[in-house]
Amino acid sequence: MPTYAYRWADGTVSVCNSRNKDEAMELFDEVGPVSRKLIIRLKSPILFTSKPDIDKGWVLDDQAIGEQLYLEIVQKCYPHYDSMLDKCNADLKTGDYTEQTNKKLTEALHKDQEEAEGQMKRTPQTPDIVVLFPKGLPGQNN
């Protein structure tokens, strides 16, 4: 099954497996209003690790998603942050960043977030009827 991602205006990313983009749109619509044009198809398989927590339910650990999926999400959803990581030669494993590197990475993330907000504002929201019935209303010869 293909893997799809949706980058929200607040900077978060939702990832799902589904048969096609229409099914992915239905799943992402459970989180919030979705525009079909902004759904990104990923090539990486999904791998995540979680653990039970009495107060929070299931939580993702610090190695939450597989490395392959992580790298593809960063590359496709956070291009400014990705290029800044390459420029700074920051060590992802230790997270030991200088204050200047930290500032540059924060600015790159902020730029990616602003870009996502702008993209969402420019892209019309998909009407609910299309989300529910992507191939037309039942019983119609569309």
C-alpha atoms as a PDB file:
ATOM      1  CA  MET A   1       0.000   0.000   0.000  1.00  0.00           C
ATOM      2  CA  PRO A   2       1.307   3.479  -0.804  1.00  0.00           C
ATOM      3  CA  THR A   3       2.315   5.898   1.937  1.00  0.00           C
ATOM      4  CA  TYR A   4       0.986   9.473   1.905  1.00  0.00           C
ATOM      5  CA  ALA A   5       1.831  12.577   3.930  1.00  0.00           C
ATOM      6  CA  TYR A   6      -0.012  15.834   4.576  1.00  0.00           C
ATOM      7  CA  ARG A   7       1.837  18.877   5.889  1.00  0.00           C
ATOM      8  CA  TRP A   8      -0.474  21.055   7.965  1.00  0.00           C
ATOM      9  CA  ALA A   9      -0.206  24.832   8.272  1.00  0.00           C
ATOM     10  CA  ASP A  10       1.041  24.578  11.880  1.00  0.00           C
ATOM     11  CA  GLY A  11       4.084  22.609  10.720  1.00  0.00           C
ATOM     12  CA  THR A  12       2.936  19.135  11.750  1.00  0.00           C
ATOM     13  CA  VAL A  13       2.823  16.234   9.317  1.00  0.00           C
ATOM     14  CA  SER A  14       0.325  13.371   9.204  1.00  0.00           C
ATOM     15  CA  VAL A  15       1.331  10.118   7.503  1.00  0.00           C
ATOM     16  CA  CYS A  16      -0.885   7.202   6.477  1.00  0.00           C
ATOM     17  CA  ASN A  17      -0.999   4.089   4.352  1.00  0.00           C
ATOM     18  CA  SER A  18      -3.947   3.854   1.989  1.00  0.00           C
ATOM     19  CA  ARG A  19      -4.941   2.296  -1.321  1.00  0.00           C
ATOM     20  CA  ASN A  20      -5.031   5.636  -3.143  1.00  0.00           C
ATOM     21  CA  LYS A  21      -5.047   9.416  -2.711  1.00  0.00           C
ATOM     22  CA  ASP A  22      -8.837   9.490  -2.244  1.00  0.00           C
ATOM     23  CA  GLU A  23      -8.654   7.093   0.695  1.00  0.00           C
ATOM     24  CA  ALA A  24      -5.723   9.082   2.143  1.00  0.00           C
ATOM     25  CA  MET A  25      -7.818  12.246   1.850  1.00  0.00           C
ATOM     26  CA  GLU A  26     -10.605  10.596   3.872  1.00  0.00           C
ATOM     27  CA  LEU A  27      -8.120   9.645   6.602  1.00  0.00           C
ATOM     28  CA  PHE A  28      -6.492  13.087   6.722  1.00  0.00           C
ATOM     29  CA  ASP A  29      -9.951  14.691   6.802  1.00  0.00           C
ATOM     30  CA  GLU A  30     -10.419  13.118  10.245  1.00  0.00           C
ATOM     31  CA  VAL A  31      -7.638  15.426  11.481  1.00  0.00           C
ATOM     32  CA  GLY A  32      -8.784  18.603   9.724  1.00  0.00           C
ATOM     33  CA  PRO A  33      -9.926  20.175   6.444  1.00  0.00           C
ATOM     34  CA  VAL A  34      -7.835  18.791   3.590  1.00  0.00           C
ATOM     35  CA  SER A  35      -6.936  19.919   0.096  1.00  0.00           C
ATOM     36  CA  ARG A  36      -6.305  16.954  -2.216  1.00  0.00           C
ATOM     37  CA  LYS A  37      -3.609  18.923  -4.075  1.00  0.00           C
ATOM     38  CA  LEU A  38      -1.412  19.098  -0.968  1.00  0.00           C
ATOM     39  CA  ILE A  39      -1.256  15.339  -0.311  1.00  0.00           C
ATOM     40  CA  ILE A  40       2.280  14.055  -0.906  1.00  0.00           C
ATOM     41  CA  ARG A  41       2.997  10.481  -1.972  1.00  0.00           C
ATOM     42  CA  LEU A  42       6.019   9.009  -0.190  1.00  0.00           C
ATOM     43  CA  LYS A  43       8.141   6.073  -1.312  1.00  0.00           C
ATOM     44  CA  SER A  44       9.303   5.049   2.159  1.00  0.00           C
ATOM     45  CA  PRO A  45       7.493   2.377   4.166  1.00  0.00           C
ATOM     46  CA  ILE A  46       5.963   3.276   7.528  1.00  0.00           C
ATOM     47  CA  LEU A  47       7.783   2.117  10.644  1.00  0.00           C
ATOM     48  CA  PHE A  48       7.006   3.575  14.066  1.00  0.00           C
ATOM     49  CA  THR A  49       7.681   2.627  17.645  1.00  0.00           C
ATOM     50  CA  SER A  50       5.409   3.520  20.539  1.00  0.00           C
ATOM     51  CA  LYS A  51       5.074   2.635  24.184  1.00  0.00           C
ATOM     52  CA  PRO A  52       2.180   2.752  26.649  1.00  0.00           C
ATOM     53  CA  ASP A  53       2.021   5.627  29.101  1.00  0.00           C
ATOM     54  CA  ILE A  54      -0.532   5.696  31.904  1.00  0.00           C
ATOM     55  CA  ASP A  55      -1.187   9.447  31.567  1.00  0.00           C
ATOM     56  CA  LYS A  56      -0.823   9.949  27.804  1.00  0.00           C
ATOM     57  CA  GLY A  57      -1.949   6.631  26.318  1.00  0.00           C
ATOM     58  CA  TRP A  58       0.396   5.499  23.552  1.00  0.00           C
ATOM     59  CA  VAL A  59       3.399   7.753  22.962  1.00  0.00           C
ATOM     60  CA  LEU A  60       6.088   7.633  20.302  1.00  0.00           C
ATOM     61  CA  ASP A  61       9.619   7.148  21.557  1.00  0.00           C
ATOM     62  CA  ASP A  62      12.618   9.249  20.507  1.00  0.00           C
ATOM     63  CA  GLN A  63      13.254   6.960  17.520  1.00  0.00           C
ATOM     64  CA  ALA A  64       9.572   7.273  16.611  1.00  0.00           C
ATOM     65  CA  ILE A  65       9.610   6.606  12.878  1.00  0.00           C
ATOM     66  CA  GLY A  66      11.980   4.702  10.646  1.00  0.00           C
ATOM     67  CA  GLU A  67      15.044   6.562   9.410  1.00  0.00           C
ATOM     68  CA  GLN A  68      14.074   6.188   5.742  1.00  0.00           C
ATOM     69  CA  LEU A  69      10.636   7.722   6.316  1.00  0.00           C
ATOM     70  CA  TYR A  70      12.111  10.451   8.534  1.00  0.00           C
ATOM     71  CA  LEU A  71      14.602  11.487   5.838  1.00  0.00           C
ATOM     72  CA  GLU A  72      11.937  11.549   3.107  1.00  0.00           C
ATOM     73  CA  ILE A  73       9.513  13.611   5.225  1.00  0.00           C
ATOM     74  CA  VAL A  74      12.235  16.136   6.053  1.00  0.00           C
ATOM     75  CA  GLN A  75      13.253  16.346   2.396  1.00  0.00           C
ATOM     76  CA  LYS A  76       9.722  16.745   0.975  1.00  0.00           C
ATOM     77  CA  CYS A  77       7.916  18.617   3.756  1.00  0.00           C
ATOM     78  CA  TYR A  78      10.676  20.765   5.258  1.00  0.00           C
ATOM     79  CA  PRO A  79      13.014  21.664   2.353  1.00  0.00           C
ATOM     80  CA  HIS A  80      14.544  24.776   4.004  1.00  0.00           C
ATOM     81  CA  TYR A  81      15.257  22.878   7.229  1.00  0.00           C
ATOM     82  CA  ASP A  82      16.717  19.978   5.228  1.00  0.00           C
ATOM     83  CA  SER A  83      19.101  22.215   3.287  1.00  0.00           C
ATOM     84  CA  MET A  84      20.107  24.026   6.495  1.00  0.00           C
ATOM     85  CA  LEU A  85      20.914  20.689   8.159  1.00  0.00           C
ATOM     86  CA  ASP A  86      23.206  19.900   5.245  1.00  0.00           C
ATOM     87  CA  LYS A  87      24.880  23.326   5.468  1.00  0.00           C
ATOM     88  CA  CYS A  88      25.356  23.187   9.223  1.00  0.00           C
ATOM     89  CA  ASN A  89      26.640  19.606   9.223  1.00  0.00           C
ATOM     90  CA  ALA A  90      24.626  19.180  12.412  1.00  0.00           C
ATOM     91  CA  ASP A  91      24.825  15.818  14.130  1.00  0.00           C
ATOM     92  CA  LEU A  92      21.264  14.474  14.202  1.00  0.00           C
ATOM     93  CA  LYS A  93      22.100  11.727  16.696  1.00  0.00           C
ATOM     94  CA  THR A  94      23.474  13.890  19.520  1.00  0.00           C
ATOM     95  CA  GLY A  95      21.567  17.099  18.852  1.00  0.00           C
ATOM     96  CA  ASP A  96      24.607  19.091  20.001  1.00  0.00           C
ATOM     97  CA  TYR A  97      24.032  22.330  18.134  1.00  0.00           C
ATOM     98  CA  THR A  98      25.807  25.611  18.696  1.00  0.00           C
ATOM     99  CA  GLU A  99      23.596  28.563  19.517  1.00  0.00           C
ATOM    100  CA  GLN A 100      24.129  29.950  16.007  1.00  0.00           C
ATOM    101  CA  THR A 101      23.250  26.599  14.362  1.00  0.00           C
ATOM    102  CA  ASN A 102      20.175  26.308  16.559  1.00  0.00           C
ATOM    103  CA  LYS A 103      19.051  29.783  15.461  1.00  0.00           C
ATOM    104  CA  LYS A 104      19.560  28.946  11.766  1.00  0.00           C
ATOM    105  CA  LEU A 105      17.609  25.678  12.083  1.00  0.00           C
ATOM    106  CA  THR A 106      14.781  27.439  13.930  1.00  0.00           C
ATOM    107  CA  GLU A 107      14.603  30.106  11.203  1.00  0.00           C
ATOM    108  CA  ALA A 108      14.531  27.404   8.502  1.00  0.00           C
ATOM    109  CA  LEU A 109      11.669  25.593  10.273  1.00  0.00           C
ATOM    110  CA  HIS A 110       9.806  28.887  10.625  1.00  0.00           C
ATOM    111  CA  LYS A 111      10.278  29.552   6.903  1.00  0.00           C
ATOM    112  CA  ASP A 112       8.927  26.074   6.063  1.00  0.00           C
ATOM    113  CA  GLN A 113       5.915  26.705   8.305  1.00  0.00           C
ATOM    114  CA  GLU A 114       5.198  30.061   6.651  1.00  0.00           C
ATOM    115  CA  GLU A 115       5.484  28.397   3.249  1.00  0.00           C
ATOM    116  CA  ALA A 116       2.988  25.696   4.278  1.00  0.00           C
ATOM    117  CA  GLU A 117       0.546  28.322   5.604  1.00  0.00           C
ATOM    118  CA  GLY A 118       0.804  30.250   2.332  1.00  0.00           C
ATOM    119  CA  GLN A 119       0.331  27.104   0.291  1.00  0.00           C
ATOM    120  CA  MET A 120      -2.811  26.224   2.262  1.00  0.00           C
ATOM    121  CA  LYS A 121      -4.233  29.728   1.829  1.00  0.00           C
ATOM    122  CA  ARG A 122      -3.620  29.642  -1.944  1.00  0.00           C
ATOM    123  CA  THR A 123      -5.071  26.139  -2.396  1.00  0.00           C
ATOM    124  CA  PRO A 124      -8.867  25.879  -2.257  1.00  0.00           C
ATOM    125  CA  GLN A 125     -10.271  23.455   0.282  1.00  0.00           C
ATOM    126  CA  THR A 126     -11.732  20.293  -1.234  1.00  0.00           C
ATOM    127  CA  PRO A 127     -15.531  20.274  -0.718  1.00  0.00           C
ATOM    128  CA  ASP A 128     -16.828  17.618   1.698  1.00  0.00           C
ATOM    129  CA  ILE A 129     -18.925  16.004  -1.044  1.00  0.00           C
ATOM    130  CA  VAL A 130     -15.732  15.219  -2.976  1.00  0.00           C
ATOM    131  CA  VAL A 131     -14.093  13.759   0.135  1.00  0.00           C
ATOM    132  CA  LEU A 132     -17.102  11.520   0.796  1.00  0.00           C
ATOM    133  CA  PHE A 133     -17.797  10.573  -2.829  1.00  0.00           C
ATOM    134  CA  PRO A 134     -14.602  11.058  -4.901  1.00  0.00           C
ATOM    135  CA  LYS A 135     -16.053   9.134  -7.857  1.00  0.00           C
ATOM    136  CA  GLY A 136     -19.406  10.903  -7.817  1.00  0.00           C
ATOM    137  CA  LEU A 137     -22.647  10.337  -5.940  1.00  0.00           C
ATOM    138  CA  PRO A 138     -23.860   6.751  -5.735  1.00  0.00           C
ATOM    139  CA  GLY A 139     -26.415   5.845  -8.391  1.00  0.00           C
ATOM    140  CA  GLN A 140     -25.297   8.500 -10.859  1.00  0.00           C
ATOM    141  CA  ASN A 141     -23.706   7.771 -14.203  1.00  0.00           C
ATOM    142  CA  ASN A 142     -20.653   9.982 -13.782  1.00  0.00           C
END
